[in-house]
Amino acid sequence: MKIELLFLGKTKDSFLSEGIDEYYSRLTHYVSVSVKILKVKGKAQWNDTITREQEGRLLLGHVPAGAFKVVLDSRGRQFTSEEMVALIDGWEQQGMKQVSFLIGGALGLSNEVVQGADLLFSLSRMTFTHDMTRLFLLEQLYRAFTIKAGEKYHK
């Protein structure tokens, strides 16, 4: 199984970038993972609705055909760490080739992205910046894979 994370724009804060790089590097020891940084052009000329729609089209346009789409949204389903492991195990047992995680921009997600999700996933009911969400998601994926491997990081 391959995991792909789709991000809109570069991470602004260096301390978050460093954390993202660290957990990405750690995660590569357990699973094939890639991060795509997508650039939105013309954004300054749009209102919020158009920005969300254009960002949504960009995100969906980079999801490979047949990939399972996990869309991060505070209204989505929350998982414990152990439930996350079970979710990943289920994907592997189903022979899922690719899981794509989509994180919206600062203005959130378009309806098209939310409605097109195979799983609406929440890290918390709280709202985080999209940059923090990237770090939290990578850390939680890393945590799940260390649990699967029976390693001590989880405790």
C-alpha atoms as a PDB file:
ATOM      1  CA  MET A   1       0.000   0.000   0.000  1.00  0.00           C
ATOM      2  CA  LYS A   2       1.150   3.516  -0.757  1.00  0.00           C
ATOM      3  CA  ILE A   3       0.167   6.568   1.272  1.00  0.00           C
ATOM      4  CA  GLU A   4       0.078   9.957  -0.396  1.00  0.00           C
ATOM      5  CA  LEU A   5      -0.432  13.269   1.363  1.00  0.00           C
ATOM      6  CA  LEU A   6      -1.650  16.205  -0.702  1.00  0.00           C
ATOM      7  CA  PHE A   7      -0.835  19.652   0.704  1.00  0.00           C
ATOM      8  CA  LEU A   8      -1.802  23.050  -0.686  1.00  0.00           C
ATOM      9  CA  GLY A   9       1.240  25.313  -0.669  1.00  0.00           C
ATOM     10  CA  LYS A  10       4.413  25.183   1.359  1.00  0.00           C
ATOM     11  CA  THR A  11       4.454  25.022   5.144  1.00  0.00           C
ATOM     12  CA  LYS A  12       5.093  28.561   6.358  1.00  0.00           C
ATOM     13  CA  ASP A  13       6.668  28.026   9.787  1.00  0.00           C
ATOM     14  CA  SER A  14      10.112  26.439   9.875  1.00  0.00           C
ATOM     15  CA  PHE A  15       9.458  24.641  13.171  1.00  0.00           C
ATOM     16  CA  LEU A  16       6.464  22.892  11.600  1.00  0.00           C
ATOM     17  CA  SER A  17       8.432  22.107   8.429  1.00  0.00           C
ATOM     18  CA  GLU A  18      11.141  20.490  10.518  1.00  0.00           C
ATOM     19  CA  GLY A  19       8.580  18.353  12.352  1.00  0.00           C
ATOM     20  CA  ILE A  20       6.881  17.378   9.105  1.00  0.00           C
ATOM     21  CA  ASP A  21      10.221  16.383   7.592  1.00  0.00           C
ATOM     22  CA  GLU A  22      11.124  14.386  10.698  1.00  0.00           C
ATOM     23  CA  TYR A  23       7.895  12.361  10.823  1.00  0.00           C
ATOM     24  CA  TYR A  24       7.890  11.897   7.054  1.00  0.00           C
ATOM     25  CA  SER A  25      11.408  10.450   7.295  1.00  0.00           C
ATOM     26  CA  ARG A  26      10.413   8.157  10.161  1.00  0.00           C
ATOM     27  CA  LEU A  27       7.274   6.980   8.356  1.00  0.00           C
ATOM     28  CA  THR A  28       9.223   5.911   5.246  1.00  0.00           C
ATOM     29  CA  HIS A  29      10.682   3.028   7.278  1.00  0.00           C
ATOM     30  CA  TYR A  30       7.225   1.438   7.504  1.00  0.00           C
ATOM     31  CA  VAL A  31       5.285   2.303   4.378  1.00  0.00           C
ATOM     32  CA  SER A  32       5.692   3.799   0.926  1.00  0.00           C
ATOM     33  CA  VAL A  33       4.724   7.434   1.478  1.00  0.00           C
ATOM     34  CA  SER A  34       4.855  10.570  -0.622  1.00  0.00           C
ATOM     35  CA  VAL A  35       3.988  14.203  -0.067  1.00  0.00           C
ATOM     36  CA  LYS A  36       2.844  16.426  -2.910  1.00  0.00           C
ATOM     37  CA  ILE A  37       2.942  20.173  -2.418  1.00  0.00           C
ATOM     38  CA  LEU A  38       0.380  21.699  -4.767  1.00  0.00           C
ATOM     39  CA  LYS A  39       0.576  25.328  -5.808  1.00  0.00           C
ATOM     40  CA  VAL A  40      -2.579  27.355  -6.404  1.00  0.00           C
ATOM     41  CA  LYS A  41      -2.152  30.114  -8.976  1.00  0.00           C
ATOM     42  CA  GLY A  42      -4.275  33.267  -9.267  1.00  0.00           C
ATOM     43  CA  LYS A  43      -5.529  33.040  -5.685  1.00  0.00           C
ATOM     44  CA  ALA A  44      -5.183  36.754  -4.912  1.00  0.00           C
ATOM     45  CA  GLN A  45      -7.928  37.588  -7.411  1.00  0.00           C
ATOM     46  CA  TRP A  46     -10.551  35.211  -5.991  1.00  0.00           C
ATOM     47  CA  ASN A  47     -13.091  35.446  -3.212  1.00  0.00           C
ATOM     48  CA  ASP A  48     -13.203  32.767  -0.498  1.00  0.00           C
ATOM     49  CA  THR A  49     -15.745  30.560  -2.287  1.00  0.00           C
ATOM     50  CA  ILE A  50     -13.832  30.522  -5.549  1.00  0.00           C
ATOM     51  CA  THR A  51     -10.579  29.875  -3.675  1.00  0.00           C
ATOM     52  CA  ARG A  52     -12.067  26.808  -1.929  1.00  0.00           C
ATOM     53  CA  GLU A  53     -13.488  25.534  -5.228  1.00  0.00           C
ATOM     54  CA  GLN A  54     -10.203  25.998  -7.128  1.00  0.00           C
ATOM     55  CA  GLU A  55      -8.171  24.422  -4.325  1.00  0.00           C
ATOM     56  CA  GLY A  56     -10.648  21.525  -4.233  1.00  0.00           C
ATOM     57  CA  ARG A  57     -10.336  20.916  -7.963  1.00  0.00           C
ATOM     58  CA  LEU A  58      -6.555  21.009  -7.647  1.00  0.00           C
ATOM     59  CA  LEU A  59      -6.577  18.479  -4.798  1.00  0.00           C
ATOM     60  CA  LEU A  60      -8.996  16.112  -6.522  1.00  0.00           C
ATOM     61  CA  GLY A  61      -7.121  16.452  -9.799  1.00  0.00           C
ATOM     62  CA  HIS A  62      -4.000  15.016  -8.168  1.00  0.00           C
ATOM     63  CA  VAL A  63      -5.660  11.961  -6.650  1.00  0.00           C
ATOM     64  CA  PRO A  64      -4.833   8.930  -8.814  1.00  0.00           C
ATOM     65  CA  ALA A  65      -7.731   6.934 -10.215  1.00  0.00           C
ATOM     66  CA  GLY A  66      -8.769   4.215  -7.788  1.00  0.00           C
ATOM     67  CA  ALA A  67      -7.099   5.780  -4.752  1.00  0.00           C
ATOM     68  CA  PHE A  68      -9.022   5.775  -1.482  1.00  0.00           C
ATOM     69  CA  LYS A  69      -9.629   9.424  -0.547  1.00  0.00           C
ATOM     70  CA  VAL A  70      -9.296  10.379   3.121  1.00  0.00           C
ATOM     71  CA  VAL A  71     -10.338  13.990   3.590  1.00  0.00           C
ATOM     72  CA  LEU A  72      -9.347  15.719   6.813  1.00  0.00           C
ATOM     73  CA  ASP A  73     -12.165  17.769   8.288  1.00  0.00           C
ATOM     74  CA  SER A  74     -13.109  18.545  11.896  1.00  0.00           C
ATOM     75  CA  ARG A  75     -16.621  17.155  11.184  1.00  0.00           C
ATOM     76  CA  GLY A  76     -15.190  13.757  10.235  1.00  0.00           C
ATOM     77  CA  ARG A  77     -14.845  10.559  12.202  1.00  0.00           C
ATOM     78  CA  GLN A  78     -12.280  10.477  14.995  1.00  0.00           C
ATOM     79  CA  PHE A  79     -10.144   7.446  15.801  1.00  0.00           C
ATOM     80  CA  THR A  80      -8.080   6.341  18.752  1.00  0.00           C
ATOM     81  CA  SER A  81      -4.528   5.290  17.917  1.00  0.00           C
ATOM     82  CA  GLU A  82      -5.539   1.634  18.099  1.00  0.00           C
ATOM     83  CA  GLU A  83      -8.550   2.244  15.851  1.00  0.00           C
ATOM     84  CA  MET A  84      -6.212   3.937  13.370  1.00  0.00           C
ATOM     85  CA  VAL A  85      -4.086   0.779  13.321  1.00  0.00           C
ATOM     86  CA  ALA A  86      -7.201  -1.307  12.664  1.00  0.00           C
ATOM     87  CA  LEU A  87      -8.194   1.065   9.849  1.00  0.00           C
ATOM     88  CA  ILE A  88      -4.776   0.718   8.203  1.00  0.00           C
ATOM     89  CA  ASP A  89      -4.845  -3.061   8.682  1.00  0.00           C
ATOM     90  CA  GLY A  90      -8.243  -3.130   6.994  1.00  0.00           C
ATOM     91  CA  TRP A  91      -6.940  -1.163   4.022  1.00  0.00           C
ATOM     92  CA  GLU A  92      -4.017  -3.564   3.689  1.00  0.00           C
ATOM     93  CA  GLN A  93      -6.248  -6.652   3.965  1.00  0.00           C
ATOM     94  CA  GLN A  94      -8.539  -5.241   1.278  1.00  0.00           C
ATOM     95  CA  GLY A  95      -5.516  -4.937  -0.992  1.00  0.00           C
ATOM     96  CA  MET A  96      -5.855  -1.179  -1.263  1.00  0.00           C
ATOM     97  CA  LYS A  97      -3.080   0.080  -3.509  1.00  0.00           C
ATOM     98  CA  GLN A  98      -3.157   3.758  -2.562  1.00  0.00           C
ATOM     99  CA  VAL A  99      -4.639   5.945   0.153  1.00  0.00           C
ATOM    100  CA  SER A 100      -4.569   9.689  -0.488  1.00  0.00           C
ATOM    101  CA  PHE A 101      -4.958  12.090   2.432  1.00  0.00           C
ATOM    102  CA  LEU A 102      -6.296  15.518   1.422  1.00  0.00           C
ATOM    103  CA  ILE A 103      -5.850  18.588   3.612  1.00  0.00           C
ATOM    104  CA  GLY A 104      -7.574  21.803   2.604  1.00  0.00           C
ATOM    105  CA  GLY A 105      -6.132  25.283   2.674  1.00  0.00           C
ATOM    106  CA  ALA A 106      -6.626  28.081   5.162  1.00  0.00           C
ATOM    107  CA  LEU A 107     -10.241  28.591   4.048  1.00  0.00           C
ATOM    108  CA  GLY A 108     -11.241  24.959   4.412  1.00  0.00           C
ATOM    109  CA  LEU A 109     -12.577  22.500   1.865  1.00  0.00           C
ATOM    110  CA  SER A 110     -14.978  22.773  -1.022  1.00  0.00           C
ATOM    111  CA  ASN A 111     -18.211  20.775  -0.911  1.00  0.00           C
ATOM    112  CA  GLU A 112     -16.926  18.773  -3.879  1.00  0.00           C
ATOM    113  CA  VAL A 113     -13.940  17.518  -1.866  1.00  0.00           C
ATOM    114  CA  VAL A 114     -15.996  16.728   1.238  1.00  0.00           C
ATOM    115  CA  GLN A 115     -18.681  14.909  -0.751  1.00  0.00           C
ATOM    116  CA  GLY A 116     -16.067  13.002  -2.761  1.00  0.00           C
ATOM    117  CA  ALA A 117     -14.366  11.603   0.335  1.00  0.00           C
ATOM    118  CA  ASP A 118     -14.263   7.868   0.890  1.00  0.00           C
ATOM    119  CA  LEU A 119     -13.591   8.695   4.524  1.00  0.00           C
ATOM    120  CA  LEU A 120     -14.106  12.022   6.269  1.00  0.00           C
ATOM    121  CA  PHE A 121     -11.398  11.953   8.938  1.00  0.00           C
ATOM    122  CA  SER A 122     -10.920  14.218  11.953  1.00  0.00           C
ATOM    123  CA  LEU A 123      -7.865  14.597  14.139  1.00  0.00           C
ATOM    124  CA  SER A 124      -9.949  16.600  16.621  1.00  0.00           C
ATOM    125  CA  ARG A 125     -13.158  18.569  16.930  1.00  0.00           C
ATOM    126  CA  MET A 126     -10.928  21.605  17.353  1.00  0.00           C
ATOM    127  CA  THR A 127      -9.763  23.580  14.362  1.00  0.00           C
ATOM    128  CA  PHE A 128      -6.040  23.562  13.571  1.00  0.00           C
ATOM    129  CA  THR A 129      -4.137  25.472  10.945  1.00  0.00           C
ATOM    130  CA  HIS A 130      -3.642  23.437   7.805  1.00  0.00           C
ATOM    131  CA  ASP A 131       0.112  23.524   8.462  1.00  0.00           C
ATOM    132  CA  MET A 132      -0.288  22.056  11.967  1.00  0.00           C
ATOM    133  CA  THR A 133      -2.679  19.467  10.590  1.00  0.00           C
ATOM    134  CA  ARG A 134       0.088  18.231   8.282  1.00  0.00           C
ATOM    135  CA  LEU A 135       2.420  17.627  11.219  1.00  0.00           C
ATOM    136  CA  PHE A 136      -0.277  16.029  13.388  1.00  0.00           C
ATOM    137  CA  LEU A 137      -1.363  13.703  10.577  1.00  0.00           C
ATOM    138  CA  LEU A 138       2.187  12.525   9.880  1.00  0.00           C
ATOM    139  CA  GLU A 139       2.813  11.962  13.588  1.00  0.00           C
ATOM    140  CA  GLN A 140      -0.402   9.962  13.944  1.00  0.00           C
ATOM    141  CA  LEU A 141       0.419   7.842  10.896  1.00  0.00           C
ATOM    142  CA  TYR A 142       3.889   7.218  12.317  1.00  0.00           C
ATOM    143  CA  ARG A 143       2.352   6.313  15.690  1.00  0.00           C
ATOM    144  CA  ALA A 144      -0.035   3.840  14.020  1.00  0.00           C
ATOM    145  CA  PHE A 145       2.763   2.120  12.134  1.00  0.00           C
ATOM    146  CA  THR A 146       4.942   1.841  15.254  1.00  0.00           C
ATOM    147  CA  ILE A 147       2.003   0.239  17.072  1.00  0.00           C
ATOM    148  CA  LYS A 148       1.605  -2.213  14.175  1.00  0.00           C
ATOM    149  CA  ALA A 149       5.316  -3.028  14.425  1.00  0.00           C
ATOM    150  CA  GLY A 150       5.105  -3.535  18.196  1.00  0.00           C
ATOM    151  CA  GLU A 151       7.541  -0.729  18.899  1.00  0.00           C
ATOM    152  CA  LYS A 152       7.730   1.445  22.021  1.00  0.00           C
ATOM    153  CA  TYR A 153       7.043   4.918  20.536  1.00  0.00           C
ATOM    154  CA  HIS A 154       3.311   4.655  21.252  1.00  0.00           C
ATOM    155  CA  LYS A 155       3.607   4.648  25.041  1.00  0.00           C
END
